[in-house]
């Protein structure tokens, strides 16, 4: 494909305009973990270790929720690109049924996560506080999945600003509320890790309610038929959404599960190592929000081009987005490699935690490029509704390559947390190579057209 530089610049500009609010929304969302970690870290190392361990388990619920509801943006984007906005309301109604059912399942799963802690050997001293955190935050699961459905609707229509507004607003509420409940201010008893879970749950419900009111009231959503008769769950449309969403959820769980498993295995090595790992992981997670937000924009741009039947537009949207993410990763990698100690000091004053976290941050700097390429390629493939092969690729990369390498280095060769992080680098690199190759092949052969044609026409009402 010869490169039209003028078109490439237009595509990059359009992706940036769409992505910027998504990136801010993602940074605000992950900012809740940062706030929780910082508040806990300045309370004591034990509370920090409990909160970040509980947050790692809660992350599985987040990943399952956002992954399943990721079927909404490409479906809505393709309908919008094809000029069929009137069908979006029917899609969204069925997406809500999925969100509510999934929310109940996640609520139950988070409240019964004790076997997961035992299986991975989390030290007994942490388990009561981790359980308190999880029991409190579990009540936010239905709000979380509904919020992802609302967000998918808005972003699929290339309207990402509401996500930014409500995510950032929630972050502004969380900091003072978490401080009051964790430290015991304004007449409340100090609740530590449990207070962190309660504060986060309250904020997530406020975000969901606010977003729902906005969607129902704002004029930009009036032509979507959202207010038409709300019907019960329908097998065929829900099946179509789950056919796309479940592989996405599994894909994200393969990656998120790898990071959670690494966190829980490192939990065997004591509180100082656990806290150090989570400081470094929190920083890497914050940095990851930038390519993740860009990848969501890539999904919408590619999906919209696919809905129009624009084969060249699909390739430009995908490859320009991937190139843009490589630039952002160059910046994040440079920062982590240059000032790891200064970054670690933002989270804690414990010298031992700072020293170990600095070593892990250097390793995090090295996997920024692999992480960026894999999430960008996956975003482009999601826009084409190509989800099943990427699911298999991530299972192989993370669990056949990444986890065995990390385990072998960490526990056979006694490299500890550093060994597990080298395993992360191996898994992410393998995923990056295979997913990028997949998008190159699919977009070149135009095999993606069958995924567009199979969804047209759409009517989700009886």
Protein backbone atom coordinates (compact mmCIF):
# COMPACT_ATOMS: atom_id res chain seq x y z
CA UNK A 1 0.00 0.00 0.00
CA UNK A 2 1.54 3.30 -1.09
CA UNK A 3 1.20 5.95 1.60
CA UNK A 4 -0.88 9.05 0.96
CA UNK A 5 0.76 11.36 3.48
CA UNK A 6 -2.05 13.91 3.42
CA UNK A 7 -4.60 11.21 4.18
CA UNK A 8 -2.35 9.72 6.88
CA UNK A 9 -2.14 13.12 8.57
CA UNK A 10 -5.92 13.46 8.42
CA UNK A 11 -6.40 10.00 9.88
CA UNK A 12 -3.92 10.63 12.66
CA UNK A 13 -5.61 13.95 13.46
CA UNK A 14 -9.08 12.37 13.49
CA UNK A 15 -7.86 9.54 15.72
CA UNK A 16 -6.23 12.00 18.13
CA UNK A 17 -9.39 14.12 18.39
CA UNK A 18 -11.48 11.05 19.11
CA UNK A 19 -8.91 9.46 21.41
CA UNK A 20 -8.05 12.40 23.66
CA UNK A 21 -11.28 12.29 25.72
CA UNK A 22 -11.03 8.48 25.81
CA UNK A 23 -7.47 8.68 27.13
CA UNK A 24 -8.52 11.16 29.80
CA UNK A 25 -11.44 8.88 30.72
CA UNK A 26 -9.08 5.91 31.00
CA UNK A 27 -6.57 7.88 33.06
CA UNK A 28 -9.38 9.00 35.35
CA UNK A 29 -10.61 5.42 35.70
CA UNK A 30 -7.18 4.05 36.57
CA UNK A 31 -6.72 7.11 38.74
CA UNK A 32 -9.07 5.48 41.23
CA UNK A 33 -6.46 2.74 41.74
CA UNK A 34 -3.75 5.37 42.09
CA UNK A 35 -5.77 7.29 44.69
CA UNK A 36 -6.48 4.10 46.63
CA UNK A 37 -2.82 3.01 46.49
CA UNK A 38 -1.46 6.41 47.54
CA UNK A 39 -3.95 6.83 50.40
CA UNK A 40 -3.21 3.30 51.62
CA UNK A 41 0.54 3.70 51.17
CA UNK A 42 0.65 6.74 53.43
CA UNK A 43 -1.44 4.90 56.02
CA UNK A 44 0.89 1.89 56.33
CA UNK A 45 2.54 -0.82 54.19
CA UNK A 46 0.09 -3.48 55.39
CA UNK A 47 -2.99 -1.53 54.27
CA UNK A 48 -1.33 -0.70 50.96
CA UNK A 49 -0.54 -4.36 50.31
CA UNK A 50 -4.13 -5.34 51.20
CA UNK A 51 -5.69 -2.67 48.99
CA UNK A 52 -3.51 -3.36 45.97
CA UNK A 53 -4.00 -7.13 46.32
CA UNK A 54 -7.77 -6.66 46.53
CA UNK A 55 -7.64 -4.24 43.60
CA UNK A 56 -5.84 -6.88 41.54
CA UNK A 57 -8.69 -9.32 42.12
CA UNK A 58 -11.29 -6.59 41.47
CA UNK A 59 -9.43 -5.92 38.22
CA UNK A 60 -10.61 -9.32 36.98
CA UNK A 61 -14.21 -8.13 37.38
CA UNK A 62 -13.39 -4.89 35.57
CA UNK A 63 -11.75 -6.78 32.72
CA UNK A 64 -14.65 -9.23 32.40
CA UNK A 65 -17.12 -6.35 32.39
CA UNK A 66 -15.35 -4.07 29.95
CA UNK A 67 -14.39 -6.98 27.69
CA UNK A 68 -17.94 -8.28 27.34
CA UNK A 69 -19.37 -4.81 26.81
CA UNK A 70 -16.71 -4.07 24.17
CA UNK A 71 -19.14 -5.62 21.72
CA UNK A 72 -21.13 -2.36 21.90
CA UNK A 73 -18.68 0.18 20.36
CA UNK A 74 -17.89 -1.69 17.09
CA UNK A 75 -21.54 -2.70 16.63
CA UNK A 76 -22.73 0.88 17.16
CA UNK A 77 -19.88 2.30 15.05
CA UNK A 78 -20.71 0.04 12.10
CA UNK A 79 -24.41 0.96 12.31
CA UNK A 80 -23.48 4.63 12.48
CA UNK A 81 -21.10 4.29 9.52
CA UNK A 82 -23.80 2.54 7.51
CA UNK A 83 -26.33 5.33 8.24
CA UNK A 84 -28.54 3.13 10.47
CA UNK A 85 -28.58 5.11 13.71
CA UNK A 86 -32.25 4.30 14.28
CA UNK A 87 -31.29 0.70 15.06
CA UNK A 88 -28.86 1.66 17.82
CA UNK A 89 -31.54 1.86 20.53
CA UNK A 90 -32.53 -1.75 20.01
CA UNK A 91 -28.90 -2.85 20.24
CA UNK A 92 -28.38 -0.86 23.43
CA UNK A 93 -31.48 -2.25 25.15
CA UNK A 94 -30.20 -5.78 24.69
CA UNK A 95 -26.71 -4.71 25.79
CA UNK A 96 -28.25 -3.52 29.06
CA UNK A 97 -29.67 -6.98 29.74
CA UNK A 98 -26.18 -8.41 29.28
CA UNK A 99 -24.74 -5.73 31.58
CA UNK A 100 -27.23 -6.41 34.36
CA UNK A 101 -26.86 -10.20 34.23
CA UNK A 102 -23.09 -9.92 34.15
CA UNK A 103 -23.13 -7.44 37.03
CA UNK A 104 -24.90 -9.94 39.28
CA UNK A 105 -22.43 -12.69 38.36
CA UNK A 106 -19.45 -10.44 39.07
CA UNK A 107 -20.95 -9.36 42.40
CA UNK A 108 -21.15 -13.01 43.45
CA UNK A 109 -17.68 -13.88 42.14
CA UNK A 110 -15.91 -10.98 43.87
CA UNK A 111 -17.53 -11.84 47.21
CA UNK A 112 -16.27 -15.44 46.96
CA UNK A 113 -12.66 -14.79 45.94
CA UNK A 114 -11.09 -16.36 49.04
CA UNK A 115 -10.12 -19.58 47.20
CA UNK A 116 -8.22 -17.47 44.69
CA UNK A 117 -6.13 -15.94 47.45
CA UNK A 118 -5.45 -19.37 48.93
CA UNK A 119 -4.54 -20.90 45.58
CA UNK A 120 -1.91 -18.27 44.91
CA UNK A 121 -0.55 -18.19 48.45
CA UNK A 122 -1.40 -14.64 49.54
CA UNK A 123 0.10 -14.29 53.02
CA UNK A 124 -2.51 -14.97 55.78
CA UNK A 125 -1.93 -11.59 57.45
CA UNK A 126 -3.35 -9.81 54.40
CA UNK A 127 -6.42 -11.94 53.79
CA UNK A 128 -8.90 -10.39 56.28
CA UNK A 129 -8.33 -6.86 54.97
CA UNK A 130 -8.36 -8.01 51.33
CA UNK A 131 -11.69 -9.73 51.99
CA UNK A 132 -13.10 -6.58 53.60
CA UNK A 133 -12.08 -4.54 50.55
CA UNK A 134 -13.64 -7.05 48.13
CA UNK A 135 -16.92 -7.41 50.03
CA UNK A 136 -17.34 -3.64 50.00
CA UNK A 137 -16.43 -3.03 46.37
CA UNK A 138 -18.48 -6.01 45.09
CA UNK A 139 -21.66 -3.93 45.41
CA UNK A 140 -20.39 -1.75 42.56
CA UNK A 141 -20.37 -4.60 40.01
CA UNK A 142 -23.84 -3.90 38.46
CA UNK A 143 -23.02 -0.18 38.26
CA UNK A 144 -19.69 -0.98 36.62
CA UNK A 145 -21.14 -3.12 33.82
CA UNK A 146 -23.99 -0.68 33.15
CA UNK A 147 -21.50 2.17 32.98
CA UNK A 148 -19.47 0.24 30.39
CA UNK A 149 -22.61 -0.25 28.29
CA UNK A 150 -23.35 3.48 28.41
CA UNK A 151 -19.77 4.28 27.59
CA UNK A 152 -19.72 1.84 24.68
CA UNK A 153 -22.86 3.44 23.24
CA UNK A 154 -21.46 6.96 23.40
CA UNK A 155 -17.97 6.13 22.16
CA UNK A 156 -19.32 3.95 19.35
CA UNK A 157 -21.08 7.08 18.09
CA UNK A 158 -17.74 8.98 18.19
CA UNK A 159 -18.93 10.95 21.23
CA UNK A 160 -16.28 10.21 23.87
CA UNK A 161 -16.54 13.40 25.92
CA UNK A 162 -19.25 12.12 28.34
CA UNK A 163 -16.96 9.25 29.35
CA UNK A 164 -14.26 11.78 30.13
CA UNK A 165 -16.59 14.01 32.14
CA UNK A 166 -18.02 11.30 34.35
CA UNK A 167 -14.76 9.40 34.89
CA UNK A 168 -12.92 12.57 35.87
CA UNK A 169 -15.79 13.71 38.06
CA UNK A 170 -15.77 10.37 39.86
CA UNK A 171 -12.05 10.69 40.50
CA UNK A 172 -12.55 14.11 42.07
CA UNK A 173 -15.11 12.65 44.47
CA UNK A 174 -13.08 9.55 45.32
CA UNK A 175 -10.02 11.30 46.76
CA UNK A 176 -11.77 13.12 49.64
CA UNK A 177 -14.30 10.34 50.20
CA UNK A 178 -11.59 7.67 50.36
CA UNK A 179 -9.56 9.81 52.77
CA UNK A 180 -12.53 10.25 55.10
CA UNK A 181 -13.46 6.56 55.18
CA UNK A 182 -9.94 5.06 55.24
CA UNK A 183 -8.49 7.41 57.87
CA UNK A 184 -11.64 7.91 59.94
CA UNK A 185 -12.50 11.59 59.54
CA UNK A 186 -15.71 13.61 60.06
CA UNK A 187 -16.92 11.23 62.75
CA UNK A 188 -16.42 8.01 60.76
CA UNK A 189 -14.31 5.23 62.28
CA UNK A 190 -11.04 4.42 60.45
CA UNK A 191 -11.89 1.59 58.04
CA UNK A 192 -8.61 1.11 56.17
CA UNK A 193 -8.89 -1.23 53.19
CA UNK A 194 -12.64 -1.73 53.67
CA UNK A 195 -13.16 2.04 53.57
CA UNK A 196 -11.31 2.16 50.25
CA UNK A 197 -13.73 -0.42 48.81
CA UNK A 198 -16.79 1.43 50.11
CA UNK A 199 -15.61 4.75 48.66
CA UNK A 200 -14.91 3.24 45.23
CA UNK A 201 -18.32 1.52 45.15
CA UNK A 202 -20.15 4.77 45.96
CA UNK A 203 -18.27 6.64 43.24
CA UNK A 204 -19.00 3.99 40.58
CA UNK A 205 -22.74 4.16 41.31
CA UNK A 206 -22.67 7.96 41.06
CA UNK A 207 -20.86 7.78 37.72
CA UNK A 208 -23.35 5.29 36.29
CA UNK A 209 -26.42 7.22 37.40
CA UNK A 210 -25.04 10.48 36.06
CA UNK A 211 -24.12 8.95 32.69
CA UNK A 212 -27.55 7.32 32.37
CA UNK A 213 -29.38 10.60 32.97
CA UNK A 214 -27.10 12.37 30.48
CA UNK A 215 -27.79 9.83 27.72
CA UNK A 216 -31.55 9.98 28.24
CA UNK A 217 -31.67 13.79 28.30
CA UNK A 218 -29.08 14.98 25.77
CA UNK A 219 -30.18 15.85 22.24
CA UNK A 220 -27.26 13.99 20.61
CA UNK A 221 -28.90 10.67 21.46
CA UNK A 222 -32.49 11.49 20.45
CA UNK A 223 -32.40 9.86 17.00
CA UNK A 224 -31.24 6.50 18.40
CA UNK A 225 -34.71 5.39 19.53
CA UNK A 226 -33.46 4.84 23.08
CA UNK A 227 -36.84 5.80 24.56
CA UNK A 228 -38.84 3.34 22.51
CA UNK A 229 -40.55 0.43 24.26
CA UNK A 230 -38.01 -1.46 26.36
CA UNK A 231 -38.42 -5.14 25.53
CA UNK A 232 -37.21 -8.16 27.45
CA UNK A 233 -34.06 -10.07 26.58
CA UNK A 234 -33.99 -11.55 23.07
CA UNK A 235 -31.88 -14.60 22.30
CA UNK A 236 -30.72 -13.68 18.78
CA UNK A 237 -29.49 -10.11 19.38
CA UNK A 238 -27.94 -11.00 22.72
CA UNK A 239 -26.27 -13.96 21.03
CA UNK A 240 -24.80 -11.64 18.38
CA UNK A 241 -23.41 -9.29 20.99
CA UNK A 242 -22.00 -12.11 23.10
CA UNK A 243 -20.48 -13.71 20.00
CA UNK A 244 -18.35 -10.58 19.71
CA UNK A 245 -18.04 -9.66 23.39
CA UNK A 246 -17.21 -12.97 25.07
CA UNK A 247 -14.01 -13.55 23.07
CA UNK A 248 -13.04 -9.95 23.86
CA UNK A 249 -13.63 -10.60 27.55
CA UNK A 250 -11.59 -13.79 27.40
CA UNK A 251 -8.83 -11.93 25.55
CA UNK A 252 -8.66 -9.24 28.22
CA UNK A 253 -8.91 -11.85 30.97
CA UNK A 254 -5.94 -13.67 29.49
CA UNK A 255 -3.89 -10.50 29.79
CA UNK A 256 -5.46 -9.16 32.98
CA UNK A 257 -5.41 -12.64 34.50
CA UNK A 258 -1.69 -12.89 33.79
CA UNK A 259 -1.03 -9.67 35.68
CA UNK A 260 -3.31 -10.73 38.54
CA UNK A 261 -1.67 -14.16 38.74
CA UNK A 262 1.74 -12.50 38.79
CA UNK A 263 0.57 -10.20 41.60
CA UNK A 264 -0.80 -13.07 43.66
CA UNK A 265 2.30 -15.22 43.13
CA UNK A 266 4.50 -12.32 44.18
CA UNK A 267 2.26 -12.08 47.25
CA UNK A 268 4.09 -15.19 48.48
CA UNK A 269 7.30 -13.18 48.78
CA UNK A 270 6.14 -10.92 51.62
CA UNK A 271 4.61 -7.51 52.15
CA UNK A 272 7.60 -5.42 51.01
CA UNK A 273 7.93 -7.26 47.69
CA UNK A 274 4.15 -7.17 47.21
CA UNK A 275 3.99 -3.43 47.83
CA UNK A 276 6.97 -2.83 45.49
CA UNK A 277 5.38 -4.86 42.71
CA UNK A 278 2.11 -3.02 42.99
CA UNK A 279 3.77 0.38 42.94
CA UNK A 280 5.50 -0.53 39.67
CA UNK A 281 2.37 -2.20 38.28
CA UNK A 282 0.26 0.81 39.17
CA UNK A 283 2.63 3.10 37.27
CA UNK A 284 2.63 0.75 34.26
CA UNK A 285 -1.16 0.58 34.40
CA UNK A 286 -1.43 4.36 34.37
CA UNK A 287 0.89 4.53 31.35
CA UNK A 288 -1.15 1.78 29.65
CA UNK A 289 -4.29 3.92 29.78
CA UNK A 290 -2.90 6.12 26.98
CA UNK A 291 -2.50 3.33 24.39
CA UNK A 292 -5.71 1.73 25.67
CA UNK A 293 -7.66 4.95 25.08
CA UNK A 294 -6.09 5.25 21.64
CA UNK A 295 -6.95 1.63 20.87
CA UNK A 296 -10.60 2.34 21.69
CA UNK A 297 -10.52 5.21 19.21
CA UNK A 298 -8.92 2.86 16.66
CA UNK A 299 -11.79 0.41 17.20
CA UNK A 300 -14.37 3.11 16.45
CA UNK A 301 -12.46 4.50 13.44
CA UNK A 302 -11.90 1.05 11.93
CA UNK A 303 -15.48 -0.01 12.69
CA UNK A 304 -16.89 3.12 11.09
CA UNK A 305 -14.80 2.59 7.95
CA UNK A 306 -15.91 -1.04 7.83
CA UNK A 307 -19.55 0.02 8.12
CA UNK A 308 -19.03 2.29 5.09
CA UNK A 309 -17.36 -0.56 3.19
CA UNK A 310 -14.17 1.52 2.89
CA UNK A 311 -11.34 -1.02 2.65
CA UNK A 312 -8.60 1.60 2.32
CA UNK A 313 -10.10 3.53 5.23
CA UNK A 314 -9.86 0.41 7.39
CA UNK A 315 -6.13 0.10 6.72
CA UNK A 316 -5.39 3.78 7.22
CA UNK A 317 -7.37 3.89 10.47
CA UNK A 318 -5.58 0.81 11.76
CA UNK A 319 -2.01 1.52 10.76
CA UNK A 320 -2.08 5.24 11.56
CA UNK A 321 -3.45 4.42 14.98
CA UNK A 322 -0.71 1.85 15.61
CA UNK A 323 1.97 4.35 14.54
CA UNK A 324 0.49 6.95 16.88
CA UNK A 325 0.62 4.55 19.81
CA UNK A 326 4.30 3.79 19.16
CA UNK A 327 5.03 7.49 19.66
CA UNK A 328 3.22 7.57 23.00
CA UNK A 329 5.07 4.45 24.13
CA UNK A 330 8.41 6.05 23.35
CA UNK A 331 7.55 8.79 25.85
CA UNK A 332 6.31 6.49 28.63
CA UNK A 333 9.28 4.16 28.22
CA UNK A 334 11.71 7.05 28.43
CA UNK A 335 10.15 8.38 31.64
CA UNK A 336 10.23 5.00 33.38
CA UNK A 337 13.83 4.33 32.39
CA UNK A 338 15.02 7.82 33.32
CA UNK A 339 13.47 8.49 36.76
CA UNK A 340 12.20 5.23 38.32
CA UNK A 341 13.19 6.23 41.86
CA UNK A 342 11.42 9.58 41.71
CA UNK A 343 8.25 7.88 40.49
CA UNK A 344 8.34 5.26 43.27
CA UNK A 345 8.68 8.00 45.94
CA UNK A 346 5.31 9.41 44.90
CA UNK A 347 3.69 6.23 46.22
CA UNK A 348 5.56 5.52 49.44
CA UNK A 349 8.27 6.69 51.79
CA UNK A 350 9.52 3.17 52.59
CA UNK A 351 13.15 2.94 51.33
CA UNK A 352 13.00 -0.81 50.74
CA UNK A 353 9.82 -0.51 48.67
CA UNK A 354 11.29 2.39 46.69
CA UNK A 355 14.48 0.47 45.86
CA UNK A 356 12.71 -2.65 44.62
CA UNK A 357 9.95 -0.76 42.81
CA UNK A 358 12.63 1.21 40.92
CA UNK A 359 14.12 -2.02 39.55
CA UNK A 360 10.71 -3.21 38.39
CA UNK A 361 9.93 0.14 36.77
CA UNK A 362 13.00 -0.25 34.56
CA UNK A 363 11.61 -3.59 33.34
CA UNK A 364 8.23 -1.91 32.81
CA UNK A 365 9.94 0.63 30.60
CA UNK A 366 11.17 -2.15 28.34
CA UNK A 367 7.74 -3.69 27.69
CA UNK A 368 6.00 -0.43 26.77
CA UNK A 369 6.45 -0.96 23.02
CA UNK A 370 5.19 -4.55 23.03
CA UNK A 371 2.22 -3.56 25.18
CA UNK A 372 1.37 -0.68 22.84
CA UNK A 373 1.53 -2.75 19.66
CA UNK A 374 -0.59 -5.57 21.07
CA UNK A 375 -3.35 -3.30 22.40
CA UNK A 376 -3.39 -1.22 19.19
CA UNK A 377 -3.58 -4.28 16.94
CA UNK A 378 -6.31 -5.76 19.12
CA UNK A 379 -8.26 -2.50 18.90
CA UNK A 380 -8.07 -2.53 15.11
CA UNK A 381 -9.22 -6.17 15.01
CA UNK A 382 -12.14 -5.38 17.33
CA UNK A 383 -13.28 -2.72 14.87
CA UNK A 384 -13.56 -5.52 12.30
CA UNK A 385 -15.36 -7.75 14.83
CA UNK A 386 -12.46 -10.20 14.57
CA UNK A 387 -12.30 -11.51 18.12
CA UNK A 388 -11.94 -15.29 18.19
CA UNK A 389 -8.48 -15.74 16.70
CA UNK A 390 -7.09 -12.85 18.82
CA UNK A 391 -8.51 -14.68 21.84
CA UNK A 392 -6.49 -17.80 20.96
CA UNK A 393 -3.39 -15.69 20.29
CA UNK A 394 -3.55 -14.04 23.70
CA UNK A 395 -4.12 -17.36 25.47
CA UNK A 396 -0.98 -18.71 23.82
CA UNK A 397 1.15 -15.61 24.32
CA UNK A 398 0.33 -14.98 27.96
CA UNK A 399 -0.18 -18.46 29.36
CA UNK A 400 2.00 -20.70 27.18
CA UNK A 401 4.87 -18.20 26.87
CA UNK A 402 4.61 -15.44 29.49
CA UNK A 403 3.56 -17.29 32.65
CA UNK A 404 5.92 -20.32 32.29
CA UNK A 405 8.89 -18.05 31.55
CA UNK A 406 8.08 -15.83 34.53
CA UNK A 407 7.55 -18.77 36.91
CA UNK A 408 10.77 -20.46 35.80
CA UNK A 409 12.84 -17.33 36.32
CA UNK A 410 11.15 -16.24 39.55
CA UNK A 411 10.96 -19.49 41.49
CA UNK A 412 13.37 -21.91 39.82
CA UNK A 413 16.17 -19.40 39.30
CA UNK A 414 15.27 -17.34 42.41
CA UNK A 415 14.91 -14.05 40.55
CA UNK A 416 11.75 -13.22 42.49
CA UNK A 417 9.60 -10.36 41.24
CA UNK A 418 12.11 -9.47 38.51
CA UNK A 419 11.73 -12.94 36.99
CA UNK A 420 7.95 -12.61 36.84
CA UNK A 421 8.29 -9.24 35.13
CA UNK A 422 10.63 -10.68 32.51
CA UNK A 423 7.89 -13.25 31.86
CA UNK A 424 5.47 -10.37 31.30
CA UNK A 425 7.84 -8.93 28.71
CA UNK A 426 8.01 -12.29 26.90
CA UNK A 427 4.23 -12.74 26.82
CA UNK A 428 3.46 -9.20 25.70
CA UNK A 429 6.10 -9.36 22.95
CA UNK A 430 4.69 -12.58 21.56
CA UNK A 431 1.16 -11.12 21.58
CA UNK A 432 2.37 -7.96 19.82
CA UNK A 433 3.99 -9.87 16.95
CA UNK A 434 1.07 -12.24 16.36
CA UNK A 435 -1.75 -9.68 16.67
CA UNK A 436 -0.02 -7.18 14.40
CA UNK A 437 0.51 -9.90 11.78
CA UNK A 438 -3.18 -10.84 12.10
CA UNK A 439 -4.36 -7.30 11.37
CA UNK A 440 -1.97 -6.98 8.41
CA UNK A 441 -3.40 -10.13 6.86
CA UNK A 442 -7.10 -9.53 7.62
CA UNK A 443 -7.10 -5.94 6.41
CA UNK A 444 -5.20 -6.82 3.22
CA UNK A 445 -7.50 -9.67 2.17
CA UNK A 446 -10.71 -7.85 3.21
CA UNK A 447 -11.93 -10.96 5.01
CA UNK A 448 -13.48 -8.54 7.48
CA UNK A 449 -16.37 -7.83 5.06
CA UNK A 450 -18.16 -11.01 6.12
CA UNK A 451 -18.37 -9.67 9.70
CA UNK A 452 -20.06 -6.51 8.44
CA UNK A 453 -22.39 -8.23 6.01
CA UNK A 454 -23.48 -10.84 8.55
CA UNK A 455 -24.82 -8.11 10.83
CA UNK A 456 -26.97 -6.36 8.24
CA UNK A 457 -29.80 -5.69 8.39
CA UNK A 458 -30.31 -5.62 12.16
CA UNK A 459 -33.60 -5.57 13.96
CA UNK A 460 -33.63 -6.42 17.64
CA UNK A 461 -37.37 -6.30 18.10
CA UNK A 462 -39.96 -8.96 17.58
